[in-house]
Amino acid sequence: FRSFRTALDLPTPDSPPDLLIAAGHNMFHTLIAAARLRAASTILAGLEPTYRRLAAPRITAKAEWLRARLYRAKAQWAAARLAYKRDYDLLRAHPLAPDLPQHTKEMAGLGP
C-alpha cells in the first residue's frame, strides 16, 4: 500500500491522467478482493482529483462503478444501487461501451 501511495505522488500535473487511473483501478480491485475496504476507500478518494480533471462520461461511469463495488462490499445496498444507476445512466448513452454488459450484470445481481 505504501508503494502505491508513493506511486500516486510521482505524477506531475502534466502526467497522463489515464495512467494514474488505470493503476488506481487495479489497486482498488485488488483491495476489494482482499476485503481491505478502508484501504480501497482511501484509493478511491485519492483518485477523485484525477476523475475531476477528466470529463469523459466513460471515466465518470467507471468512478461510479467503483463506488458501487465498494458500497456492495460494505453491504450498503441502497448506496450501491444508486451508484450503479448513475454508472448505467452514463454508459447507456454509449451502447457500445465495453463495460456496459458487466456493469449491468452486477447491477441486476443486487435485486429490486
PDB file of N, CA and C in Angstrom:
ATOM      1  N   PHE A   1       0.826  -1.191   0.000  1.00  0.00           N
ATOM      2  CA  PHE A   1       0.000   0.000   0.000  1.00  0.00           C
ATOM      3  C   PHE A   1       0.872   1.259   0.000  1.00  0.00           C
ATOM      4  N   ARG A   2       1.970   1.245   0.784  1.00  0.00           N
ATOM      5  CA  ARG A   2       2.869   2.404   0.789  1.00  0.00           C
ATOM      6  C   ARG A   2       3.464   2.631  -0.586  1.00  0.00           C
ATOM      7  N   SER A   3       3.779   1.546  -1.272  1.00  0.00           N
ATOM      8  CA  SER A   3       4.340   1.679  -2.621  1.00  0.00           C
ATOM      9  C   SER A   3       3.347   2.351  -3.549  1.00  0.00           C
ATOM     10  N   PHE A   4       2.083   1.979  -3.420  1.00  0.00           N
ATOM     11  CA  PHE A   4       1.069   2.589  -4.276  1.00  0.00           C
ATOM     12  C   PHE A   4       0.914   4.064  -3.948  1.00  0.00           C
ATOM     13  N   ARG A   5       0.900   4.406  -2.657  1.00  0.00           N
ATOM     14  CA  ARG A   5       0.790   5.823  -2.265  1.00  0.00           C
ATOM     15  C   ARG A   5       1.971   6.605  -2.833  1.00  0.00           C
ATOM     16  N   THR A   6       3.167   6.032  -2.775  1.00  0.00           N
ATOM     17  CA  THR A   6       4.342   6.683  -3.336  1.00  0.00           C
ATOM     18  C   THR A   6       4.163   6.876  -4.831  1.00  0.00           C
ATOM     19  N   ALA A   7       3.643   5.851  -5.498  1.00  0.00           N
ATOM     20  CA  ALA A   7       3.403   5.944  -6.942  1.00  0.00           C
ATOM     21  C   ALA A   7       2.387   7.033  -7.263  1.00  0.00           C
ATOM     22  N   LEU A   8       1.393   7.216  -6.395  1.00  0.00           N
ATOM     23  CA  LEU A   8       0.405   8.276  -6.624  1.00  0.00           C
ATOM     24  C   LEU A   8       1.027   9.663  -6.508  1.00  0.00           C
ATOM     25  N   ASP A   9       2.093   9.774  -5.722  1.00  0.00           N
ATOM     26  CA  ASP A   9       2.742  11.069  -5.544  1.00  0.00           C
ATOM     27  C   ASP A   9       3.724  11.398  -6.663  1.00  0.00           C
ATOM     28  N   LEU A  10       4.098  10.436  -7.492  1.00  0.00           N
ATOM     29  CA  LEU A  10       5.086  10.654  -8.541  1.00  0.00           C
ATOM     30  C   LEU A  10       4.587  11.457  -9.741  1.00  0.00           C
ATOM     31  N   PRO A  11       3.368  11.267 -10.183  1.00  0.00           N
ATOM     32  CA  PRO A  11       2.939  12.007 -11.372  1.00  0.00           C
ATOM     33  C   PRO A  11       2.936  13.517 -11.137  1.00  0.00           C
ATOM     34  N   THR A  12       3.205  14.214 -12.208  1.00  0.00           N
ATOM     35  CA  THR A  12       3.155  15.676 -12.181  1.00  0.00           C
ATOM     36  C   THR A  12       1.829  16.108 -12.789  1.00  0.00           C
ATOM     37  N   PRO A  13       1.500  17.394 -12.713  1.00  0.00           N
ATOM     38  CA  PRO A  13       0.269  17.851 -13.354  1.00  0.00           C
ATOM     39  C   PRO A  13       0.235  17.575 -14.863  1.00  0.00           C
ATOM     40  N   ASP A  14       1.412  17.357 -15.454  1.00  0.00           N
ATOM     41  CA  ASP A  14       1.476  17.077 -16.899  1.00  0.00           C
ATOM     42  C   ASP A  14       1.400  15.588 -17.223  1.00  0.00           C
ATOM     43  N   SER A  15       1.409  14.737 -16.213  1.00  0.00           N
ATOM     44  CA  SER A  15       1.338  13.293 -16.462  1.00  0.00           C
ATOM     45  C   SER A  15      -0.034  12.924 -17.012  1.00  0.00           C
ATOM     46  N   PRO A  16      -0.085  11.913 -17.870  1.00  0.00           N
ATOM     47  CA  PRO A  16      -1.389  11.497 -18.406  1.00  0.00           C
ATOM     48  C   PRO A  16      -2.273  10.935 -17.291  1.00  0.00           C
ATOM     49  N   PRO A  17      -3.451  11.521 -17.093  1.00  0.00           N
ATOM     50  CA  PRO A  17      -4.313  11.056 -16.009  1.00  0.00           C
ATOM     51  C   PRO A  17      -4.791   9.623 -16.181  1.00  0.00           C
ATOM     52  N   ASP A  18      -4.893   9.156 -17.437  1.00  0.00           N
ATOM     53  CA  ASP A  18      -5.360   7.785 -17.636  1.00  0.00           C
ATOM     54  C   ASP A  18      -4.374   6.768 -17.068  1.00  0.00           C
ATOM     55  N   LEU A  19      -3.094   7.113 -17.016  1.00  0.00           N
ATOM     56  CA  LEU A  19      -2.101   6.226 -16.425  1.00  0.00           C
ATOM     57  C   LEU A  19      -2.357   6.072 -14.922  1.00  0.00           C
ATOM     58  N   LEU A  20      -2.599   7.168 -14.251  1.00  0.00           N
ATOM     59  CA  LEU A  20      -2.888   7.139 -12.820  1.00  0.00           C
ATOM     60  C   LEU A  20      -4.192   6.401 -12.542  1.00  0.00           C
ATOM     61  N   ILE A  21      -5.200   6.641 -13.357  1.00  0.00           N
ATOM     62  CA  ILE A  21      -6.496   5.989 -13.162  1.00  0.00           C
ATOM     63  C   ILE A  21      -6.384   4.482 -13.355  1.00  0.00           C
ATOM     64  N   ALA A  22      -5.656   4.050 -14.373  1.00  0.00           N
ATOM     65  CA  ALA A  22      -5.504   2.610 -14.619  1.00  0.00           C
ATOM     66  C   ALA A  22      -4.824   1.931 -13.433  1.00  0.00           C
ATOM     67  N   ALA A  23      -3.769   2.532 -12.923  1.00  0.00           N
ATOM     68  CA  ALA A  23      -3.071   1.955 -11.774  1.00  0.00           C
ATOM     69  C   ALA A  23      -3.983   1.952 -10.548  1.00  0.00           C
ATOM     70  N   GLY A  24      -4.722   3.025 -10.360  1.00  0.00           N
ATOM     71  CA  GLY A  24      -5.635   3.124  -9.221  1.00  0.00           C
ATOM     72  C   GLY A  24      -6.742   2.097  -9.270  1.00  0.00           C
ATOM     73  N   HIS A  25      -7.299   1.875 -10.461  1.00  0.00           N
ATOM     74  CA  HIS A  25      -8.372   0.886 -10.601  1.00  0.00           C
ATOM     75  C   HIS A  25      -7.861  -0.508 -10.261  1.00  0.00           C
ATOM     76  N   ASN A  26      -6.669  -0.832 -10.723  1.00  0.00           N
ATOM     77  CA  ASN A  26      -6.109  -2.157 -10.429  1.00  0.00           C
ATOM     78  C   ASN A  26      -5.908  -2.342  -8.927  1.00  0.00           C
ATOM     79  N   MET A  27      -5.357  -1.324  -8.274  1.00  0.00           N
ATOM     80  CA  MET A  27      -5.146  -1.417  -6.828  1.00  0.00           C
ATOM     81  C   MET A  27      -6.487  -1.506  -6.105  1.00  0.00           C
ATOM     82  N   PHE A  28      -7.463  -0.726  -6.531  1.00  0.00           N
ATOM     83  CA  PHE A  28      -8.783  -0.730  -5.913  1.00  0.00           C
ATOM     84  C   PHE A  28      -9.397  -2.130  -5.969  1.00  0.00           C
ATOM     85  N   HIS A  29      -9.390  -2.745  -7.159  1.00  0.00           N
ATOM     86  CA  HIS A  29      -9.980  -4.084  -7.314  1.00  0.00           C
ATOM     87  C   HIS A  29      -9.241  -5.118  -6.459  1.00  0.00           C
ATOM     88  N   THR A  30      -7.932  -4.985  -6.364  1.00  0.00           N
ATOM     89  CA  THR A  30      -7.144  -5.892  -5.537  1.00  0.00           C
ATOM     90  C   THR A  30      -7.533  -5.754  -4.067  1.00  0.00           C
ATOM     91  N   LEU A  31      -7.704  -4.530  -3.610  1.00  0.00           N
ATOM     92  CA  LEU A  31      -8.064  -4.298  -2.211  1.00  0.00           C
ATOM     93  C   LEU A  31      -9.480  -4.781  -1.901  1.00  0.00           C
ATOM     94  N   ILE A  32     -10.410  -4.586  -2.821  1.00  0.00           N
ATOM     95  CA  ILE A  32     -11.776  -5.088  -2.618  1.00  0.00           C
ATOM     96  C   ILE A  32     -11.745  -6.613  -2.505  1.00  0.00           C
ATOM     97  N   ALA A  33     -10.999  -7.255  -3.403  1.00  0.00           N
ATOM     98  CA  ALA A  33     -10.914  -8.723  -3.377  1.00  0.00           C
ATOM     99  C   ALA A  33     -10.293  -9.226  -2.079  1.00  0.00           C
ATOM    100  N   ALA A  34      -9.402  -8.433  -1.494  1.00  0.00           N
ATOM    101  CA  ALA A  34      -8.753  -8.816  -0.239  1.00  0.00           C
ATOM    102  C   ALA A  34      -9.545  -8.353   0.985  1.00  0.00           C
ATOM    103  N   ALA A  35     -10.734  -7.774   0.743  1.00  0.00           N
ATOM    104  CA  ALA A  35     -11.599  -7.268   1.816  1.00  0.00           C
ATOM    105  C   ALA A  35     -10.920  -6.171   2.641  1.00  0.00           C
ATOM    106  N   ARG A  36     -10.042  -5.414   2.014  1.00  0.00           N
ATOM    107  CA  ARG A  36      -9.389  -4.273   2.672  1.00  0.00           C
ATOM    108  C   ARG A  36     -10.151  -3.014   2.260  1.00  0.00           C
ATOM    109  N   LEU A  37     -11.349  -2.895   2.806  1.00  0.00           N
ATOM    110  CA  LEU A  37     -12.287  -1.866   2.365  1.00  0.00           C
ATOM    111  C   LEU A  37     -11.849  -0.459   2.751  1.00  0.00           C
ATOM    112  N   ARG A  38     -11.235  -0.297   3.884  1.00  0.00           N
ATOM    113  CA  ARG A  38     -10.749   1.033   4.274  1.00  0.00           C
ATOM    114  C   ARG A  38      -9.657   1.504   3.307  1.00  0.00           C
ATOM    115  N   ALA A  39      -8.755   0.608   2.959  1.00  0.00           N
ATOM    116  CA  ALA A  39      -7.701   0.951   2.005  1.00  0.00           C
ATOM    117  C   ALA A  39      -8.299   1.248   0.623  1.00  0.00           C
ATOM    118  N   ALA A  40      -9.303   0.478   0.222  1.00  0.00           N
ATOM    119  CA  ALA A  40      -9.968   0.724  -1.062  1.00  0.00           C
ATOM    120  C   ALA A  40     -10.629   2.099  -1.056  1.00  0.00           C
ATOM    121  N   SER A  41     -11.237   2.471   0.060  1.00  0.00           N
ATOM    122  CA  SER A  41     -11.851   3.802   0.174  1.00  0.00           C
ATOM    123  C   SER A  41     -10.797   4.892   0.032  1.00  0.00           C
ATOM    124  N   THR A  42      -9.633   4.676   0.611  1.00  0.00           N
ATOM    125  CA  THR A  42      -8.539   5.647   0.527  1.00  0.00           C
ATOM    126  C   THR A  42      -8.073   5.808  -0.912  1.00  0.00           C
ATOM    127  N   ILE A  43      -7.959   4.691  -1.622  1.00  0.00           N
ATOM    128  CA  ILE A  43      -7.538   4.743  -3.032  1.00  0.00           C
ATOM    129  C   ILE A  43      -8.566   5.517  -3.850  1.00  0.00           C
ATOM    130  N   LEU A  44      -9.831   5.214  -3.636  1.00  0.00           N
ATOM    131  CA  LEU A  44     -10.886   5.892  -4.392  1.00  0.00           C
ATOM    132  C   LEU A  44     -10.860   7.397  -4.114  1.00  0.00           C
ATOM    133  N   ALA A  45     -10.681   7.768  -2.866  1.00  0.00           N
ATOM    134  CA  ALA A  45     -10.596   9.187  -2.513  1.00  0.00           C
ATOM    135  C   ALA A  45      -9.372   9.837  -3.161  1.00  0.00           C
ATOM    136  N   GLY A  46      -8.278   9.095  -3.245  1.00  0.00           N
ATOM    137  CA  GLY A  46      -7.074   9.623  -3.893  1.00  0.00           C
ATOM    138  C   GLY A  46      -7.231   9.821  -5.388  1.00  0.00           C
ATOM    139  N   LEU A  47      -8.121   9.047  -5.996  1.00  0.00           N
ATOM    140  CA  LEU A  47      -8.359   9.168  -7.438  1.00  0.00           C
ATOM    141  C   LEU A  47      -9.325  10.299  -7.784  1.00  0.00           C
ATOM    142  N   GLU A  48     -10.105  10.763  -6.831  1.00  0.00           N
ATOM    143  CA  GLU A  48     -11.137  11.775  -7.114  1.00  0.00           C
ATOM    144  C   GLU A  48     -10.603  13.013  -7.846  1.00  0.00           C
ATOM    145  N   PRO A  49      -9.470  13.596  -7.438  1.00  0.00           N
ATOM    146  CA  PRO A  49      -8.987  14.776  -8.181  1.00  0.00           C
ATOM    147  C   PRO A  49      -8.704  14.473  -9.658  1.00  0.00           C
ATOM    148  N   THR A  50      -8.224  13.269  -9.920  1.00  0.00           N
ATOM    149  CA  THR A  50      -7.941  12.888 -11.309  1.00  0.00           C
ATOM    150  C   THR A  50      -9.236  12.722 -12.084  1.00  0.00           C
ATOM    151  N   TYR A  51     -10.255  12.118 -11.459  1.00  0.00           N
ATOM    152  CA  TYR A  51     -11.545  11.986 -12.133  1.00  0.00           C
ATOM    153  C   TYR A  51     -12.104  13.361 -12.503  1.00  0.00           C
ATOM    154  N   ARG A  52     -11.946  14.318 -11.602  1.00  0.00           N
ATOM    155  CA  ARG A  52     -12.477  15.660 -11.870  1.00  0.00           C
ATOM    156  C   ARG A  52     -11.750  16.341 -13.026  1.00  0.00           C
ATOM    157  N   ARG A  53     -10.480  15.951 -13.258  1.00  0.00           N
ATOM    158  CA  ARG A  53      -9.717  16.528 -14.378  1.00  0.00           C
ATOM    159  C   ARG A  53     -10.213  16.018 -15.723  1.00  0.00           C
ATOM    160  N   LEU A  54     -10.861  14.875 -15.725  1.00  0.00           N
ATOM    161  CA  LEU A  54     -11.328  14.271 -16.972  1.00  0.00           C
ATOM    162  C   LEU A  54     -12.842  14.425 -17.065  1.00  0.00           C
ATOM    163  N   ALA A  55     -13.302  14.797 -18.220  1.00  0.00           N
ATOM    164  CA  ALA A  55     -14.743  15.000 -18.388  1.00  0.00           C
ATOM    165  C   ALA A  55     -15.408  13.856 -19.159  1.00  0.00           C
ATOM    166  N   ALA A  56     -14.652  12.833 -19.508  1.00  0.00           N
ATOM    167  CA  ALA A  56     -15.197  11.737 -20.312  1.00  0.00           C
ATOM    168  C   ALA A  56     -16.275  10.982 -19.535  1.00  0.00           C
ATOM    169  N   PRO A  57     -17.456  10.823 -20.125  1.00  0.00           N
ATOM    170  CA  PRO A  57     -18.536  10.091 -19.431  1.00  0.00           C
ATOM    171  C   PRO A  57     -18.138   8.674 -19.033  1.00  0.00           C
ATOM    172  N   ARG A  58     -17.332   8.017 -19.830  1.00  0.00           N
ATOM    173  CA  ARG A  58     -16.932   6.646 -19.508  1.00  0.00           C
ATOM    174  C   ARG A  58     -16.085   6.609 -18.237  1.00  0.00           C
ATOM    175  N   ILE A  59     -15.225   7.603 -18.043  1.00  0.00           N
ATOM    176  CA  ILE A  59     -14.402   7.671 -16.830  1.00  0.00           C
ATOM    177  C   ILE A  59     -15.281   7.971 -15.619  1.00  0.00           C
ATOM    178  N   THR A  60     -16.221   8.884 -15.788  1.00  0.00           N
ATOM    179  CA  THR A  60     -17.156   9.199 -14.703  1.00  0.00           C
ATOM    180  C   THR A  60     -17.975   7.964 -14.344  1.00  0.00           C
ATOM    181  N   ALA A  61     -18.408   7.228 -15.361  1.00  0.00           N
ATOM    182  CA  ALA A  61     -19.160   5.990 -15.118  1.00  0.00           C
ATOM    183  C   ALA A  61     -18.299   4.978 -14.373  1.00  0.00           C
ATOM    184  N   LYS A  62     -17.050   4.871 -14.746  1.00  0.00           N
ATOM    185  CA  LYS A  62     -16.146   3.927 -14.084  1.00  0.00           C
ATOM    186  C   LYS A  62     -15.994   4.285 -12.606  1.00  0.00           C
ATOM    187  N   ALA A  63     -15.913   5.578 -12.305  1.00  0.00           N
ATOM    188  CA  ALA A  63     -15.820   6.012 -10.913  1.00  0.00           C
ATOM    189  C   ALA A  63     -17.067   5.594 -10.140  1.00  0.00           C
ATOM    190  N   GLU A  64     -18.236   5.749 -10.759  1.00  0.00           N
ATOM    191  CA  GLU A  64     -19.481   5.325 -10.104  1.00  0.00           C
ATOM    192  C   GLU A  64     -19.499   3.819  -9.900  1.00  0.00           C
ATOM    193  N   TRP A  65     -18.991   3.088 -10.866  1.00  0.00           N
ATOM    194  CA  TRP A  65     -18.929   1.631 -10.757  1.00  0.00           C
ATOM    195  C   TRP A  65     -18.044   1.217  -9.590  1.00  0.00           C
ATOM    196  N   LEU A  66     -16.890   1.893  -9.449  1.00  0.00           N
ATOM    197  CA  LEU A  66     -16.012   1.583  -8.324  1.00  0.00           C
ATOM    198  C   LEU A  66     -16.707   1.884  -6.997  1.00  0.00           C
ATOM    199  N   ARG A  67     -17.411   3.013  -6.945  1.00  0.00           N
ATOM    200  CA  ARG A  67     -18.167   3.334  -5.726  1.00  0.00           C
ATOM    201  C   ARG A  67     -19.202   2.244  -5.442  1.00  0.00           C
ATOM    202  N   ALA A  68     -19.909   1.810  -6.478  1.00  0.00           N
ATOM    203  CA  ALA A  68     -20.921   0.764  -6.308  1.00  0.00           C
ATOM    204  C   ALA A  68     -20.297  -0.509  -5.763  1.00  0.00           C
ATOM    205  N   ARG A  69     -19.143  -0.881  -6.277  1.00  0.00           N
ATOM    206  CA  ARG A  69     -18.471  -2.093  -5.797  1.00  0.00           C
ATOM    207  C   ARG A  69     -18.050  -1.952  -4.337  1.00  0.00           C
ATOM    208  N   LEU A  70     -17.589  -0.764  -3.968  1.00  0.00           N
ATOM    209  CA  LEU A  70     -17.206  -0.539  -2.578  1.00  0.00           C
ATOM    210  C   LEU A  70     -18.428  -0.603  -1.669  1.00  0.00           C
ATOM    211  N   TYR A  71     -19.515   0.064  -2.053  1.00  0.00           N
ATOM    212  CA  TYR A  71     -20.749   0.023  -1.255  1.00  0.00           C
ATOM    213  C   TYR A  71     -21.276  -1.403  -1.150  1.00  0.00           C
ATOM    214  N   ARG A  72     -21.176  -2.130  -2.240  1.00  0.00           N
ATOM    215  CA  ARG A  72     -21.641  -3.521  -2.234  1.00  0.00           C
ATOM    216  C   ARG A  72     -20.819  -4.356  -1.250  1.00  0.00           C
ATOM    217  N   ALA A  73     -19.503  -4.167  -1.270  1.00  0.00           N
ATOM    218  CA  ALA A  73     -18.625  -4.901  -0.354  1.00  0.00           C
ATOM    219  C   ALA A  73     -18.913  -4.543   1.104  1.00  0.00           C
ATOM    220  N   LYS A  74     -19.390  -3.327   1.328  1.00  0.00           N
ATOM    221  CA  LYS A  74     -19.729  -2.881   2.686  1.00  0.00           C
ATOM    222  C   LYS A  74     -21.181  -3.194   3.052  1.00  0.00           C
ATOM    223  N   ALA A  75     -21.890  -3.871   2.151  1.00  0.00           N
ATOM    224  CA  ALA A  75     -23.306  -4.218   2.346  1.00  0.00           C
ATOM    225  C   ALA A  75     -24.175  -2.972   2.503  1.00  0.00           C
ATOM    226  N   GLN A  76     -23.808  -1.907   1.823  1.00  0.00           N
ATOM    227  CA  GLN A  76     -24.604  -0.679   1.797  1.00  0.00           C
ATOM    228  C   GLN A  76     -25.404  -0.692   0.491  1.00  0.00           C
ATOM    229  N   TRP A  77     -26.478  -1.473   0.502  1.00  0.00           N
ATOM    230  CA  TRP A  77     -27.211  -1.804  -0.712  1.00  0.00           C
ATOM    231  C   TRP A  77     -27.842  -0.595  -1.385  1.00  0.00           C
ATOM    232  N   ALA A  78     -28.450   0.301  -0.636  1.00  0.00           N
ATOM    233  CA  ALA A  78     -29.097   1.469  -1.246  1.00  0.00           C
ATOM    234  C   ALA A  78     -28.065   2.354  -1.937  1.00  0.00           C
ATOM    235  N   ALA A  79     -26.940   2.564  -1.293  1.00  0.00           N
ATOM    236  CA  ALA A  79     -25.882   3.374  -1.904  1.00  0.00           C
ATOM    237  C   ALA A  79     -25.315   2.682  -3.144  1.00  0.00           C
ATOM    238  N   ALA A  80     -25.180   1.359  -3.078  1.00  0.00           N
ATOM    239  CA  ALA A  80     -24.681   0.601  -4.232  1.00  0.00           C
ATOM    240  C   ALA A  80     -25.641   0.724  -5.406  1.00  0.00           C
ATOM    241  N   ARG A  81     -26.941   0.588  -5.144  1.00  0.00           N
ATOM    242  CA  ARG A  81     -27.933   0.716  -6.229  1.00  0.00           C
ATOM    243  C   ARG A  81     -27.858   2.092  -6.885  1.00  0.00           C
ATOM    244  N   LEU A  82     -27.733   3.131  -6.068  1.00  0.00           N
ATOM    245  CA  LEU A  82     -27.665   4.488  -6.599  1.00  0.00           C
ATOM    246  C   LEU A  82     -26.415   4.681  -7.456  1.00  0.00           C
ATOM    247  N   ALA A  83     -25.284   4.191  -6.984  1.00  0.00           N
ATOM    248  CA  ALA A  83     -24.045   4.318  -7.759  1.00  0.00           C
ATOM    249  C   ALA A  83     -24.122   3.511  -9.057  1.00  0.00           C
ATOM    250  N   TYR A  84     -24.677   2.292  -8.995  1.00  0.00           N
ATOM    251  CA  TYR A  84     -24.858   1.500 -10.220  1.00  0.00           C
ATOM    252  C   TYR A  84     -25.793   2.220 -11.196  1.00  0.00           C
ATOM    253  N   LYS A  85     -26.846   2.839 -10.683  1.00  0.00           N
ATOM    254  CA  LYS A  85     -27.787   3.548 -11.554  1.00  0.00           C
ATOM    255  C   LYS A  85     -27.096   4.714 -12.251  1.00  0.00           C
ATOM    256  N   ARG A  86     -26.306   5.487 -11.505  1.00  0.00           N
ATOM    257  CA  ARG A  86     -25.578   6.604 -12.127  1.00  0.00           C
ATOM    258  C   ARG A  86     -24.605   6.084 -13.178  1.00  0.00           C
ATOM    259  N   ASP A  87     -23.916   4.980 -12.866  1.00  0.00           N
ATOM    260  CA  ASP A  87     -22.996   4.344 -13.807  1.00  0.00           C
ATOM    261  C   ASP A  87     -23.751   3.926 -15.075  1.00  0.00           C
ATOM    262  N   TYR A  88     -24.862   3.226 -14.887  1.00  0.00           N
ATOM    263  CA  TYR A  88     -25.656   2.733 -16.010  1.00  0.00           C
ATOM    264  C   TYR A  88     -26.187   3.887 -16.867  1.00  0.00           C
ATOM    265  N   ASP A  89     -26.683   4.942 -16.218  1.00  0.00           N
ATOM    266  CA  ASP A  89     -27.213   6.082 -16.966  1.00  0.00           C
ATOM    267  C   ASP A  89     -26.146   6.720 -17.837  1.00  0.00           C
ATOM    268  N   LEU A  90     -24.919   6.778 -17.358  1.00  0.00           N
ATOM    269  CA  LEU A  90     -23.831   7.342 -18.154  1.00  0.00           C
ATOM    270  C   LEU A  90     -23.442   6.414 -19.301  1.00  0.00           C
ATOM    271  N   LEU A  91     -23.371   5.111 -19.024  1.00  0.00           N
ATOM    272  CA  LEU A  91     -22.929   4.161 -20.052  1.00  0.00           C
ATOM    273  C   LEU A  91     -23.978   3.879 -21.115  1.00  0.00           C
ATOM    274  N   ARG A  92     -25.255   3.934 -20.760  1.00  0.00           N
ATOM    275  CA  ARG A  92     -26.267   3.583 -21.763  1.00  0.00           C
ATOM    276  C   ARG A  92     -26.330   4.602 -22.894  1.00  0.00           C
ATOM    277  N   ALA A  93     -25.785   5.785 -22.673  1.00  0.00           N
ATOM    278  CA  ALA A  93     -25.681   6.766 -23.751  1.00  0.00           C
ATOM    279  C   ALA A  93     -24.644   6.321 -24.783  1.00  0.00           C
ATOM    280  N   HIS A  94     -23.822   5.343 -24.400  1.00  0.00           N
ATOM    281  CA  HIS A  94     -22.797   4.795 -25.288  1.00  0.00           C
ATOM    282  C   HIS A  94     -22.986   3.278 -25.324  1.00  0.00           C
ATOM    283  N   PRO A  95     -23.993   2.796 -26.061  1.00  0.00           N
ATOM    284  CA  PRO A  95     -24.356   1.375 -26.014  1.00  0.00           C
ATOM    285  C   PRO A  95     -23.243   0.407 -26.402  1.00  0.00           C
ATOM    286  N   LEU A  96     -22.224   0.899 -27.081  1.00  0.00           N
ATOM    287  CA  LEU A  96     -21.116   0.022 -27.454  1.00  0.00           C
ATOM    288  C   LEU A  96     -19.993   0.054 -26.421  1.00  0.00           C
ATOM    289  N   ALA A  97     -20.224   0.723 -25.301  1.00  0.00           N
ATOM    290  CA  ALA A  97     -19.209   0.774 -24.241  1.00  0.00           C
ATOM    291  C   ALA A  97     -18.891  -0.647 -23.793  1.00  0.00           C
ATOM    292  N   PRO A  98     -17.608  -1.016 -23.787  1.00  0.00           N
ATOM    293  CA  PRO A  98     -17.259  -2.401 -23.453  1.00  0.00           C
ATOM    294  C   PRO A  98     -17.625  -2.803 -22.027  1.00  0.00           C
ATOM    295  N   ASP A  99     -17.764  -1.842 -21.129  1.00  0.00           N
ATOM    296  CA  ASP A  99     -18.069  -2.155 -19.734  1.00  0.00           C
ATOM    297  C   ASP A  99     -19.552  -2.353 -19.469  1.00  0.00           C
ATOM    298  N   LEU A 100     -20.404  -1.908 -20.367  1.00  0.00           N
ATOM    299  CA  LEU A 100     -21.849  -1.907 -20.116  1.00  0.00           C
ATOM    300  C   LEU A 100     -22.406  -3.283 -19.732  1.00  0.00           C
ATOM    301  N   PRO A 101     -22.094  -4.370 -20.439  1.00  0.00           N
ATOM    302  CA  PRO A 101     -22.668  -5.669 -20.050  1.00  0.00           C
ATOM    303  C   PRO A 101     -22.271  -6.113 -18.639  1.00  0.00           C
ATOM    304  N   GLN A 102     -21.006  -5.936 -18.278  1.00  0.00           N
ATOM    305  CA  GLN A 102     -20.551  -6.345 -16.947  1.00  0.00           C
ATOM    306  C   GLN A 102     -21.210  -5.497 -15.862  1.00  0.00           C
ATOM    307  N   HIS A 103     -21.290  -4.216 -16.083  1.00  0.00           N
ATOM    308  CA  HIS A 103     -21.886  -3.327 -15.087  1.00  0.00           C
ATOM    309  C   HIS A 103     -23.376  -3.635 -14.930  1.00  0.00           C
ATOM    310  N   THR A 104     -24.057  -3.893 -16.038  1.00  0.00           N
ATOM    311  CA  THR A 104     -25.482  -4.219 -15.998  1.00  0.00           C
ATOM    312  C   THR A 104     -25.711  -5.525 -15.245  1.00  0.00           C
ATOM    313  N   LYS A 105     -24.857  -6.504 -15.478  1.00  0.00           N
ATOM    314  CA  LYS A 105     -24.967  -7.799 -14.802  1.00  0.00           C
ATOM    315  C   LYS A 105     -24.794  -7.634 -13.286  1.00  0.00           C
ATOM    316  N   GLU A 106     -23.804  -6.847 -12.883  1.00  0.00           N
ATOM    317  CA  GLU A 106     -23.591  -6.623 -11.450  1.00  0.00           C
ATOM    318  C   GLU A 106     -24.773  -5.888 -10.822  1.00  0.00           C
ATOM    319  N   MET A 107     -25.281  -4.893 -11.531  1.00  0.00           N
ATOM    320  CA  MET A 107     -26.403  -4.124 -11.019  1.00  0.00           C
ATOM    321  C   MET A 107     -27.628  -5.033 -10.840  1.00  0.00           C
ATOM    322  N   ALA A 108     -27.867  -5.917 -11.799  1.00  0.00           N
ATOM    323  CA  ALA A 108     -29.014  -6.831 -11.727  1.00  0.00           C
ATOM    324  C   ALA A 108     -28.862  -7.792 -10.550  1.00  0.00           C
ATOM    325  N   GLY A 109     -27.637  -8.112 -10.184  1.00  0.00           N
ATOM    326  CA  GLY A 109     -27.392  -9.020  -9.089  1.00  0.00           C
ATOM    327  C   GLY A 109     -27.782  -8.474  -7.720  1.00  0.00           C
ATOM    328  N   LEU A 110     -28.052  -7.184  -7.635  1.00  0.00           N
ATOM    329  CA  LEU A 110     -28.478  -6.581  -6.358  1.00  0.00           C
ATOM    330  C   LEU A 110     -29.939  -6.821  -6.076  1.00  0.00           C
ATOM    331  N   GLY A 111     -30.708  -7.156  -7.095  1.00  0.00           N
ATOM    332  CA  GLY A 111     -32.137  -7.361  -6.900  1.00  0.00           C
ATOM    333  C   GLY A 111     -32.892  -6.047  -6.849  1.00  0.00           C
ATOM    334  N   PRO A 112     -34.189  -6.104  -6.484  1.00  0.00           N
ATOM    335  CA  PRO A 112     -35.004  -4.881  -6.509  1.00  0.00           C
ATOM    336  C   PRO A 112     -34.597  -3.873  -5.458  1.00  0.00           C
TER     337      PRO A 112
END
